[in-house]
């Protein structure tokens, strides 16, 4: 049977559907068959059929989910834990909120990055068009009239001429890069390897590091509230947000401190995953028995702060691109207009 992955956008919906089935007391085999009969997408129907067969054979839900190979390991691990502790309904609802939050964050990041990238591409296209097509035409006209453009304009025109000569090579390089990107996106093994390299190299810094800390806090909240020990909660949460060297080192330090008998809040503080203010809040939550709720609130605040940082960065990049484009266009315009004004004044 072909192994399919459940699309990220369907994960929260499916968790919500499972939560409603469990809450209503409907047997999973019956409920999943209902979902399968109503499903029109062939890929979704394929893994739903495999899931129904496993459930009808008496397999636990977590094992059935794992057997399909279509679900994230984090989801199957959390469902297995929920079945052991009798908190399946609560964990399914938490998983739905967790994946909803991940989708919202991904959509916000895509929306924030799309505008400056598009603006940058347009800026480059306009400047290249001006220096390779427009300036040479004016230079020929001025040369016939016995006038020369300024040194800045001639320098930009020379750069444009060199770029035009190298156009074939540049186009070939761009095509190769585009083809490599397409192959990487279509081949799962290459895609996962590339994503793993990027995560190891950059996933623990800046905004990406803060987003990893948000995922860590969210998964810790679900694991602790499900009855998992702190050591196992840290280990499970590290799998979700791990991959980056900096994050792996911090979660390993946190796990080591807890295994040695340290306070969970102190271990989280020493790890450096959270700020001093957040660590003080975690210590207070540990003393009052509200650690899961506090971790969930912390995850939401970390996510919101990550998005604010992205918005601030994008807000600084967009005006910079506009200013640079306007300045280059102004220089080119002056380089053309000044000789023209001098010629007109001479004729006049």
Foldseek 3Di string as FASTA:
>chain_A
DDQAADDLVCLLVVLVQVLVCVVVVHQPLVSLVVVLVPDDDPVVNVLSVQLSVCVVVVHDNLVSVVVSVHYDPLVSVLCVLCVVLVNNNVLSNLSSVLSVLVVVLVVLLCVLPVVLVVLLVVLVVVLLCCLQPVLVVLQVVCVVVVFHFDPVSVVSNVVSVVCVVCVVVVVVVVVVVVVVVVVCVVDVVSVVVVVLVCCQVPCCDDLNVLLLLLQLLSQLLSCVVSPHDNLVSLVSSCVVSDSHPLSNQLSVQLSVCVVVPHDNLVSNVVSPSDDPVLSVVCVVCVVVVNNSVSSNVSSVVSSVVSSVVSNVVSVVSVVVSVVVSVVSVVVSVCSSVVRVVVSVVVVD
